[in-house]
Amino acid sequence: MANIMIVDDSPIIRRSLRGILESLGHRIVVEAEDGKEAIQVYDEDRIDLVTMDIQLPGIDGIEAVRLIRERNPNAAIVMISSLEHRGKVYEAIKLGARHYIVKPYTEDKVGEVIQAVLGIPEPQQADKAEPIANGKEASTDRAQAGRELPLLETPILSTLPFELVIKDGRAVLVVQRHITPVNIGALASALQGLLYYRKAKYVLDLWEPIFDVEGMKLMLEFVSVVRSRGGTVGIVSGAHGYYTQIKAKLQNGVYRSYDEIEW
């Protein structure tokens, strides 16, 4: 359970967030209607996390992030943004915000982000694929062979933050949820698997930008490896600030929408 401060000028949004967060087992210790009030009531000793609306009267959410982080460099802040202000999220991330949630949000989305920021481990998945052969027979066969054979497992697709599809002759990895330290291993495995294709055209379609540092490194390394082998790869991001950041790093092969890709 975390002690949370909600900052939003809308009583409806505050009530909605309070209901979701409390249903997830957290406690709301204080609410603020604007950036100035948020700065005044923020207390690092009793607040574990802040949800911060970007559009606030007076001192906006971005400036409030800067001032709170000046006071406490370890402050955990999650931005709440409407779709039209999504481009401002990157500015808040640069100032130290840990994550963001885009309106309209769901309880699952809020829970996922809060879990990622607080470092709460996800429940272990008990479902494992059974080998085709009977367990006893398979064990006997392996013993006779004198070695352990690797077994394929069926991934639980609903738990993955991405989807892999073949579209228009391209291998497309669609990142649908935030990449976090909890699920980054799945991303690494997927990108590694894609590299086994000898000749392919790849697209990483980022419905959710990859802000996680290690996730960003993985993505850039994947692009570098594909290009070094003479392959084709594109990055798609509709988030203006994130698009600009990736464009500066890669120079080419970065698109604002999937439809822009012509190869």
C-alpha atoms as a PDB file:
ATOM      1  CA  MET A   1       0.000   0.000   0.000  1.00  0.00           C
ATOM      2  CA  ALA A   2       1.240   3.490  -0.881  1.00  0.00           C
ATOM      3  CA  ASN A   3       0.351   6.918   0.469  1.00  0.00           C
ATOM      4  CA  ILE A   4      -0.667   9.019  -2.537  1.00  0.00           C
ATOM      5  CA  MET A   5      -1.328  12.698  -3.263  1.00  0.00           C
ATOM      6  CA  ILE A   6      -3.732  13.515  -6.118  1.00  0.00           C
ATOM      7  CA  VAL A   7      -3.244  16.840  -7.909  1.00  0.00           C
ATOM      8  CA  ASP A   8      -6.032  17.864 -10.318  1.00  0.00           C
ATOM      9  CA  ASP A   9      -8.284  20.883 -10.682  1.00  0.00           C
ATOM     10  CA  SER A  10     -11.268  18.694 -11.565  1.00  0.00           C
ATOM     11  CA  PRO A  11     -13.229  17.295  -8.597  1.00  0.00           C
ATOM     12  CA  ILE A  12     -14.593  14.586 -10.919  1.00  0.00           C
ATOM     13  CA  ILE A  13     -11.101  13.392 -11.884  1.00  0.00           C
ATOM     14  CA  ARG A  14      -9.929  13.496  -8.262  1.00  0.00           C
ATOM     15  CA  ARG A  15     -12.938  11.446  -7.175  1.00  0.00           C
ATOM     16  CA  SER A  16     -12.386   8.972 -10.024  1.00  0.00           C
ATOM     17  CA  LEU A  17      -8.695   8.522  -9.225  1.00  0.00           C
ATOM     18  CA  ARG A  18      -9.375   8.225  -5.521  1.00  0.00           C
ATOM     19  CA  GLY A  19     -11.883   5.441  -6.150  1.00  0.00           C
ATOM     20  CA  ILE A  20      -9.509   3.525  -8.429  1.00  0.00           C
ATOM     21  CA  LEU A  21      -6.445   3.935  -6.216  1.00  0.00           C
ATOM     22  CA  GLU A  22      -8.309   2.974  -3.051  1.00  0.00           C
ATOM     23  CA  SER A  23      -9.752  -0.091  -4.793  1.00  0.00           C
ATOM     24  CA  LEU A  24      -6.140  -1.057  -5.600  1.00  0.00           C
ATOM     25  CA  GLY A  25      -5.307  -0.920  -1.889  1.00  0.00           C
ATOM     26  CA  HIS A  26      -3.617   2.501  -1.713  1.00  0.00           C
ATOM     27  CA  ARG A  27      -4.418   5.402   0.602  1.00  0.00           C
ATOM     28  CA  ILE A  28      -5.066   9.004  -0.502  1.00  0.00           C
ATOM     29  CA  VAL A  29      -3.478  11.214   2.146  1.00  0.00           C
ATOM     30  CA  VAL A  30      -4.035  14.607   0.496  1.00  0.00           C
ATOM     31  CA  GLU A  31      -5.556  16.229  -2.591  1.00  0.00           C
ATOM     32  CA  ALA A  32      -4.594  19.506  -4.287  1.00  0.00           C
ATOM     33  CA  GLU A  33      -6.467  21.607  -6.857  1.00  0.00           C
ATOM     34  CA  ASP A  34      -3.482  23.305  -8.503  1.00  0.00           C
ATOM     35  CA  GLY A  35       0.299  23.326  -8.716  1.00  0.00           C
ATOM     36  CA  LYS A  36       0.789  25.970  -6.042  1.00  0.00           C
ATOM     37  CA  GLU A  37      -1.240  24.020  -3.490  1.00  0.00           C
ATOM     38  CA  ALA A  38       0.543  20.793  -4.458  1.00  0.00           C
ATOM     39  CA  ILE A  39       3.936  22.344  -3.721  1.00  0.00           C
ATOM     40  CA  GLN A  40       2.713  23.708  -0.392  1.00  0.00           C
ATOM     41  CA  VAL A  41       1.204  20.469   0.914  1.00  0.00           C
ATOM     42  CA  TYR A  42       3.755  18.022  -0.498  1.00  0.00           C
ATOM     43  CA  ASP A  43       5.468  16.189   2.350  1.00  0.00           C
ATOM     44  CA  GLU A  44       8.058  13.597   1.353  1.00  0.00           C
ATOM     45  CA  ASP A  45       7.824  11.910   4.761  1.00  0.00           C
ATOM     46  CA  ARG A  46       4.180  10.898   4.296  1.00  0.00           C
ATOM     47  CA  ILE A  47       3.691  10.846   0.502  1.00  0.00           C
ATOM     48  CA  ASP A  48       5.046   7.912  -1.507  1.00  0.00           C
ATOM     49  CA  LEU A  49       3.674   8.951  -4.883  1.00  0.00           C
ATOM     50  CA  VAL A  50       1.996  11.915  -6.589  1.00  0.00           C
ATOM     51  CA  THR A  51      -0.443  11.837  -9.502  1.00  0.00           C
ATOM     52  CA  MET A  52      -0.072  15.195 -11.273  1.00  0.00           C
ATOM     53  CA  ASP A  53      -2.346  16.640 -13.935  1.00  0.00           C
ATOM     54  CA  ILE A  54      -0.382  18.502 -16.627  1.00  0.00           C
ATOM     55  CA  GLN A  55      -2.962  21.247 -17.236  1.00  0.00           C
ATOM     56  CA  LEU A  56      -3.435  23.142 -13.965  1.00  0.00           C
ATOM     57  CA  PRO A  57      -4.397  26.762 -13.272  1.00  0.00           C
ATOM     58  CA  GLY A  58      -1.550  29.051 -12.168  1.00  0.00           C
ATOM     59  CA  ILE A  59       1.503  26.839 -11.700  1.00  0.00           C
ATOM     60  CA  ASP A  60       0.995  23.998 -14.165  1.00  0.00           C
ATOM     61  CA  GLY A  61       1.893  20.368 -13.610  1.00  0.00           C
ATOM     62  CA  ILE A  62       5.247  20.564 -15.380  1.00  0.00           C
ATOM     63  CA  GLU A  63       6.478  23.433 -13.208  1.00  0.00           C
ATOM     64  CA  ALA A  64       5.102  21.703 -10.118  1.00  0.00           C
ATOM     65  CA  VAL A  65       7.152  18.609 -11.006  1.00  0.00           C
ATOM     66  CA  ARG A  66      10.280  20.733 -11.288  1.00  0.00           C
ATOM     67  CA  LEU A  67       9.737  22.428  -7.921  1.00  0.00           C
ATOM     68  CA  ILE A  68       8.807  19.242  -6.066  1.00  0.00           C
ATOM     69  CA  ARG A  69      11.817  17.426  -7.519  1.00  0.00           C
ATOM     70  CA  GLU A  70      14.058  20.312  -6.421  1.00  0.00           C
ATOM     71  CA  ARG A  71      12.869  19.697  -2.881  1.00  0.00           C
ATOM     72  CA  ASN A  72      13.003  15.906  -3.143  1.00  0.00           C
ATOM     73  CA  PRO A  73      15.006  14.454  -6.089  1.00  0.00           C
ATOM     74  CA  ASN A  74      13.543  11.032  -5.335  1.00  0.00           C
ATOM     75  CA  ALA A  75       9.905  12.128  -5.533  1.00  0.00           C
ATOM     76  CA  ALA A  76       7.789   9.607  -7.466  1.00  0.00           C
ATOM     77  CA  ILE A  77       5.431  11.544  -9.751  1.00  0.00           C
ATOM     78  CA  VAL A  78       3.038  10.157 -12.355  1.00  0.00           C
ATOM     79  CA  MET A  79       1.635  12.609 -14.902  1.00  0.00           C
ATOM     80  CA  ILE A  80      -2.049  12.597 -15.868  1.00  0.00           C
ATOM     81  CA  SER A  81      -2.488  13.861 -19.424  1.00  0.00           C
ATOM     82  CA  SER A  82      -5.281  14.184 -21.935  1.00  0.00           C
ATOM     83  CA  LEU A  83      -4.493  12.941 -25.421  1.00  0.00           C
ATOM     84  CA  GLU A  84      -4.055  16.436 -26.888  1.00  0.00           C
ATOM     85  CA  HIS A  85      -1.412  17.304 -24.255  1.00  0.00           C
ATOM     86  CA  ARG A  86       0.442  14.018 -24.577  1.00  0.00           C
ATOM     87  CA  GLY A  87       3.387  15.763 -26.254  1.00  0.00           C
ATOM     88  CA  LYS A  88       4.092  17.649 -23.026  1.00  0.00           C
ATOM     89  CA  VAL A  89       4.633  14.426 -21.137  1.00  0.00           C
ATOM     90  CA  TYR A  90       8.221  14.106 -22.355  1.00  0.00           C
ATOM     91  CA  GLU A  91       9.041  17.520 -20.884  1.00  0.00           C
ATOM     92  CA  ALA A  92       7.762  16.321 -17.509  1.00  0.00           C
ATOM     93  CA  ILE A  93       9.723  13.067 -17.852  1.00  0.00           C
ATOM     94  CA  LYS A  94      12.911  15.063 -18.494  1.00  0.00           C
ATOM     95  CA  LEU A  95      12.259  16.961 -15.271  1.00  0.00           C
ATOM     96  CA  GLY A  96      11.998  13.723 -13.313  1.00  0.00           C
ATOM     97  CA  ALA A  97       8.418  12.456 -13.571  1.00  0.00           C
ATOM     98  CA  ARG A  98       8.508   8.666 -13.467  1.00  0.00           C
ATOM     99  CA  HIS A  99       5.574   7.759 -15.714  1.00  0.00           C
ATOM    100  CA  TYR A 100       2.287   8.980 -17.177  1.00  0.00           C
ATOM    101  CA  ILE A 101      -1.357   8.005 -17.681  1.00  0.00           C
ATOM    102  CA  VAL A 102      -3.448   9.243 -20.602  1.00  0.00           C
ATOM    103  CA  LYS A 103      -7.130  10.076 -20.142  1.00  0.00           C
ATOM    104  CA  PRO A 104      -9.510   8.324 -20.427  1.00  0.00           C
ATOM    105  CA  TYR A 105      -7.867   5.707 -18.246  1.00  0.00           C
ATOM    106  CA  THR A 106      -8.987   2.380 -16.864  1.00  0.00           C
ATOM    107  CA  GLU A 107      -8.370   0.768 -13.492  1.00  0.00           C
ATOM    108  CA  ASP A 108      -6.040  -1.724 -15.184  1.00  0.00           C
ATOM    109  CA  LYS A 109      -3.981   1.070 -16.764  1.00  0.00           C
ATOM    110  CA  VAL A 110      -3.710   3.020 -13.506  1.00  0.00           C
ATOM    111  CA  GLY A 111      -2.752  -0.132 -11.613  1.00  0.00           C
ATOM    112  CA  GLU A 112      -0.123  -1.054 -14.199  1.00  0.00           C
ATOM    113  CA  VAL A 113       1.577   2.345 -14.020  1.00  0.00           C
ATOM    114  CA  ILE A 114       1.472   2.617 -10.232  1.00  0.00           C
ATOM    115  CA  GLN A 115       2.861  -0.904  -9.983  1.00  0.00           C
ATOM    116  CA  ALA A 116       5.714  -0.025 -12.348  1.00  0.00           C
ATOM    117  CA  VAL A 117       6.641   3.163 -10.486  1.00  0.00           C
ATOM    118  CA  LEU A 118       6.502   1.635  -7.010  1.00  0.00           C
ATOM    119  CA  GLY A 119       8.321  -1.515  -8.114  1.00  0.00           C
ATOM    120  CA  ILE A 120       5.596  -3.880  -6.944  1.00  0.00           C
ATOM    121  CA  PRO A 121       6.211  -7.322  -8.478  1.00  0.00           C
ATOM    122  CA  GLU A 122       3.467  -8.759 -10.651  1.00  0.00           C
ATOM    123  CA  PRO A 123       1.783 -11.975  -9.479  1.00  0.00           C
ATOM    124  CA  GLN A 124       3.549 -15.084 -10.692  1.00  0.00           C
ATOM    125  CA  GLN A 125       1.772 -16.813 -13.540  1.00  0.00           C
ATOM    126  CA  ALA A 126       0.978 -20.387 -12.627  1.00  0.00           C
ATOM    127  CA  ASP A 127      -0.174 -21.399 -16.107  1.00  0.00           C
ATOM    128  CA  LYS A 128       2.537 -23.325 -17.886  1.00  0.00           C
ATOM    129  CA  ALA A 129       2.188 -25.179 -21.174  1.00  0.00           C
ATOM    130  CA  GLU A 130       2.203 -28.951 -20.828  1.00  0.00           C
ATOM    131  CA  PRO A 131       4.537 -30.966 -23.041  1.00  0.00           C
ATOM    132  CA  ILE A 132       2.761 -32.876 -25.792  1.00  0.00           C
ATOM    133  CA  ALA A 133       3.939 -36.198 -24.461  1.00  0.00           C
ATOM    134  CA  ASN A 134       2.825 -37.593 -21.125  1.00  0.00           C
ATOM    135  CA  GLY A 135       5.075 -36.148 -18.391  1.00  0.00           C
ATOM    136  CA  LYS A 136       6.325 -39.576 -17.299  1.00  0.00           C
ATOM    137  CA  GLU A 137       7.019 -40.715 -20.852  1.00  0.00           C
ATOM    138  CA  ALA A 138       8.757 -37.476 -21.753  1.00  0.00           C
ATOM    139  CA  SER A 139      10.940 -37.743 -18.659  1.00  0.00           C
ATOM    140  CA  THR A 140      11.870 -41.338 -19.568  1.00  0.00           C
ATOM    141  CA  ASP A 141      12.705 -40.362 -23.141  1.00  0.00           C
ATOM    142  CA  ARG A 142      14.984 -37.567 -21.962  1.00  0.00           C
ATOM    143  CA  ALA A 143      16.692 -39.855 -19.467  1.00  0.00           C
ATOM    144  CA  GLN A 144      17.309 -42.387 -22.212  1.00  0.00           C
ATOM    145  CA  ALA A 145      18.749 -39.689 -24.419  1.00  0.00           C
ATOM    146  CA  GLY A 146      21.104 -38.782 -21.583  1.00  0.00           C
ATOM    147  CA  ARG A 147      20.266 -35.070 -21.682  1.00  0.00           C
ATOM    148  CA  GLU A 148      17.510 -32.615 -20.903  1.00  0.00           C
ATOM    149  CA  LEU A 149      15.600 -31.449 -23.960  1.00  0.00           C
ATOM    150  CA  PRO A 150      14.293 -27.882 -24.042  1.00  0.00           C
ATOM    151  CA  LEU A 151      10.520 -27.645 -24.031  1.00  0.00           C
ATOM    152  CA  LEU A 152       8.498 -24.965 -25.748  1.00  0.00           C
ATOM    153  CA  GLU A 153       6.187 -22.936 -23.557  1.00  0.00           C
ATOM    154  CA  THR A 154       3.035 -21.191 -24.669  1.00  0.00           C
ATOM    155  CA  PRO A 155       3.290 -17.511 -23.697  1.00  0.00           C
ATOM    156  CA  ILE A 156       0.344 -16.010 -21.850  1.00  0.00           C
ATOM    157  CA  LEU A 157      -0.298 -13.318 -24.427  1.00  0.00           C
ATOM    158  CA  SER A 158      -2.609 -11.217 -22.256  1.00  0.00           C
ATOM    159  CA  THR A 159       0.271 -10.472 -19.891  1.00  0.00           C
ATOM    160  CA  LEU A 160       2.624  -9.192 -22.581  1.00  0.00           C
ATOM    161  CA  PRO A 161       3.049  -5.428 -23.105  1.00  0.00           C
ATOM    162  CA  PHE A 162       3.244  -5.887 -26.881  1.00  0.00           C
ATOM    163  CA  GLU A 163       1.862  -7.819 -29.831  1.00  0.00           C
ATOM    164  CA  LEU A 164       3.784  -9.339 -32.743  1.00  0.00           C
ATOM    165  CA  VAL A 165       2.068  -9.425 -36.126  1.00  0.00           C
ATOM    166  CA  ILE A 166       2.982  -9.840 -39.782  1.00  0.00           C
ATOM    167  CA  LYS A 167       1.502  -6.922 -41.706  1.00  0.00           C
ATOM    168  CA  ASP A 168       2.146  -5.771 -45.281  1.00  0.00           C
ATOM    169  CA  GLY A 169       5.133  -8.096 -45.478  1.00  0.00           C
ATOM    170  CA  ARG A 170       6.679  -6.564 -42.363  1.00  0.00           C
ATOM    171  CA  ALA A 171       7.322  -8.021 -38.922  1.00  0.00           C
ATOM    172  CA  VAL A 172       5.551  -5.503 -36.677  1.00  0.00           C
ATOM    173  CA  LEU A 173       6.038  -5.293 -32.911  1.00  0.00           C
ATOM    174  CA  VAL A 174       3.248  -3.135 -31.465  1.00  0.00           C
ATOM    175  CA  VAL A 175       4.061  -1.836 -27.964  1.00  0.00           C
ATOM    176  CA  GLN A 176       0.635  -1.392 -26.382  1.00  0.00           C
ATOM    177  CA  ARG A 177       1.607  -0.915 -22.736  1.00  0.00           C
ATOM    178  CA  HIS A 178       4.458   0.664 -20.813  1.00  0.00           C
ATOM    179  CA  ILE A 179       7.788  -1.148 -20.765  1.00  0.00           C
ATOM    180  CA  THR A 180       8.925  -1.497 -17.148  1.00  0.00           C
ATOM    181  CA  PRO A 181      11.615  -3.388 -15.224  1.00  0.00           C
ATOM    182  CA  VAL A 182       8.941  -6.031 -14.584  1.00  0.00           C
ATOM    183  CA  ASN A 183       8.205  -6.833 -18.246  1.00  0.00           C
ATOM    184  CA  ILE A 184      11.396  -5.752 -20.025  1.00  0.00           C
ATOM    185  CA  GLY A 185      12.579  -9.368 -20.199  1.00  0.00           C
ATOM    186  CA  ALA A 186       9.680 -10.197 -22.507  1.00  0.00           C
ATOM    187  CA  LEU A 187      10.663  -7.315 -24.809  1.00  0.00           C
ATOM    188  CA  ALA A 188      14.279  -8.488 -24.895  1.00  0.00           C
ATOM    189  CA  SER A 189      13.161 -12.018 -25.810  1.00  0.00           C
ATOM    190  CA  ALA A 190      10.887 -10.748 -28.588  1.00  0.00           C
ATOM    191  CA  LEU A 191      13.572  -8.547 -30.141  1.00  0.00           C
ATOM    192  CA  GLN A 192      16.101 -11.371 -29.906  1.00  0.00           C
ATOM    193  CA  GLY A 193      13.672 -13.684 -31.680  1.00  0.00           C
ATOM    194  CA  LEU A 194      13.136 -11.194 -34.495  1.00  0.00           C
ATOM    195  CA  LEU A 195      16.878 -11.140 -35.151  1.00  0.00           C
ATOM    196  CA  TYR A 196      16.727 -14.802 -36.220  1.00  0.00           C
ATOM    197  CA  TYR A 197      15.014 -13.729 -39.440  1.00  0.00           C
ATOM    198  CA  ARG A 198      17.662 -13.602 -42.148  1.00  0.00           C
ATOM    199  CA  LYS A 199      15.816 -11.112 -44.339  1.00  0.00           C
ATOM    200  CA  ALA A 200      12.941  -9.101 -42.953  1.00  0.00           C
ATOM    201  CA  LYS A 201      11.484  -5.640 -42.741  1.00  0.00           C
ATOM    202  CA  TYR A 202      10.792  -4.620 -39.160  1.00  0.00           C
ATOM    203  CA  VAL A 203       8.528  -1.994 -37.616  1.00  0.00           C
ATOM    204  CA  LEU A 204       8.397  -1.077 -33.916  1.00  0.00           C
ATOM    205  CA  ASP A 205       5.012   0.643 -33.569  1.00  0.00           C
ATOM    206  CA  LEU A 206       5.055   2.423 -30.209  1.00  0.00           C
ATOM    207  CA  TRP A 207       1.498   3.046 -29.118  1.00  0.00           C
ATOM    208  CA  GLU A 208       3.126   3.663 -25.750  1.00  0.00           C
ATOM    209  CA  PRO A 209       6.583   5.325 -25.899  1.00  0.00           C
ATOM    210  CA  ILE A 210       9.405   3.388 -24.256  1.00  0.00           C
ATOM    211  CA  PHE A 211      10.651   5.673 -21.474  1.00  0.00           C
ATOM    212  CA  ASP A 212      12.360   2.939 -19.463  1.00  0.00           C
ATOM    213  CA  VAL A 213      16.138   3.492 -19.827  1.00  0.00           C
ATOM    214  CA  GLU A 214      16.979  -0.163 -20.396  1.00  0.00           C
ATOM    215  CA  GLY A 215      14.023  -0.528 -22.738  1.00  0.00           C
ATOM    216  CA  MET A 216      15.285   2.417 -24.781  1.00  0.00           C
ATOM    217  CA  LYS A 217      18.751   0.847 -24.968  1.00  0.00           C
ATOM    218  CA  LEU A 218      17.262  -2.430 -26.195  1.00  0.00           C
ATOM    219  CA  MET A 219      15.293  -0.675 -28.908  1.00  0.00           C
ATOM    220  CA  LEU A 220      18.265   1.355 -30.156  1.00  0.00           C
ATOM    221  CA  GLU A 221      20.524  -1.711 -30.078  1.00  0.00           C
ATOM    222  CA  PHE A 222      17.973  -3.660 -32.122  1.00  0.00           C
ATOM    223  CA  VAL A 223      17.877  -0.901 -34.748  1.00  0.00           C
ATOM    224  CA  SER A 224      21.684  -0.768 -34.828  1.00  0.00           C
ATOM    225  CA  VAL A 225      22.018  -4.533 -35.319  1.00  0.00           C
ATOM    226  CA  VAL A 226      19.396  -4.649 -38.086  1.00  0.00           C
ATOM    227  CA  ARG A 227      21.019  -1.765 -39.911  1.00  0.00           C
ATOM    228  CA  SER A 228      24.499  -3.246 -39.547  1.00  0.00           C
ATOM    229  CA  ARG A 229      23.231  -6.328 -41.379  1.00  0.00           C
ATOM    230  CA  GLY A 230      21.734  -4.244 -44.180  1.00  0.00           C
ATOM    231  CA  GLY A 231      18.184  -4.736 -42.933  1.00  0.00           C
ATOM    232  CA  THR A 232      15.266  -2.323 -42.829  1.00  0.00           C
ATOM    233  CA  VAL A 233      13.666  -1.123 -39.623  1.00  0.00           C
ATOM    234  CA  GLY A 234      11.310   1.721 -38.745  1.00  0.00           C
ATOM    235  CA  ILE A 235      10.143   3.273 -35.478  1.00  0.00           C
ATOM    236  CA  VAL A 236       6.624   4.714 -35.270  1.00  0.00           C
ATOM    237  CA  SER A 237       5.528   7.111 -32.513  1.00  0.00           C
ATOM    238  CA  GLY A 238       2.647   9.556 -32.548  1.00  0.00           C
ATOM    239  CA  ALA A 239       3.857  11.296 -29.363  1.00  0.00           C
ATOM    240  CA  HIS A 240       5.430  14.529 -30.597  1.00  0.00           C
ATOM    241  CA  GLY A 241       8.119  14.930 -27.939  1.00  0.00           C
ATOM    242  CA  TYR A 242       9.107  11.275 -28.074  1.00  0.00           C
ATOM    243  CA  TYR A 243       9.123  11.290 -31.891  1.00  0.00           C
ATOM    244  CA  THR A 244      11.517  14.255 -31.826  1.00  0.00           C
ATOM    245  CA  GLN A 245      13.799  12.503 -29.331  1.00  0.00           C
ATOM    246  CA  ILE A 246      14.027   9.267 -31.368  1.00  0.00           C
ATOM    247  CA  LYS A 247      14.411  11.190 -34.616  1.00  0.00           C
ATOM    248  CA  ALA A 248      17.433  13.013 -33.164  1.00  0.00           C
ATOM    249  CA  LYS A 249      19.012   9.698 -32.159  1.00  0.00           C
ATOM    250  CA  LEU A 250      18.359   7.708 -35.337  1.00  0.00           C
ATOM    251  CA  GLN A 251      18.147  10.469 -37.987  1.00  0.00           C
ATOM    252  CA  ASN A 252      16.039   8.372 -40.363  1.00  0.00           C
ATOM    253  CA  GLY A 253      13.540   5.530 -40.262  1.00  0.00           C
ATOM    254  CA  VAL A 254      11.361   7.320 -37.685  1.00  0.00           C
ATOM    255  CA  TYR A 255       7.701   7.982 -38.497  1.00  0.00           C
ATOM    256  CA  ARG A 256       4.718   9.690 -36.886  1.00  0.00           C
ATOM    257  CA  SER A 257       2.283   7.021 -38.111  1.00  0.00           C
ATOM    258  CA  TYR A 258       2.426   3.557 -39.632  1.00  0.00           C
ATOM    259  CA  ASP A 259       0.831   4.883 -42.845  1.00  0.00           C
ATOM    260  CA  GLU A 260       3.888   7.090 -43.506  1.00  0.00           C
ATOM    261  CA  ILE A 261       6.076   4.032 -44.187  1.00  0.00           C
ATOM    262  CA  GLU A 262       6.584   3.583 -47.923  1.00  0.00           C
ATOM    263  CA  TRP A 263       9.024   0.644 -48.099  1.00  0.00           C
END
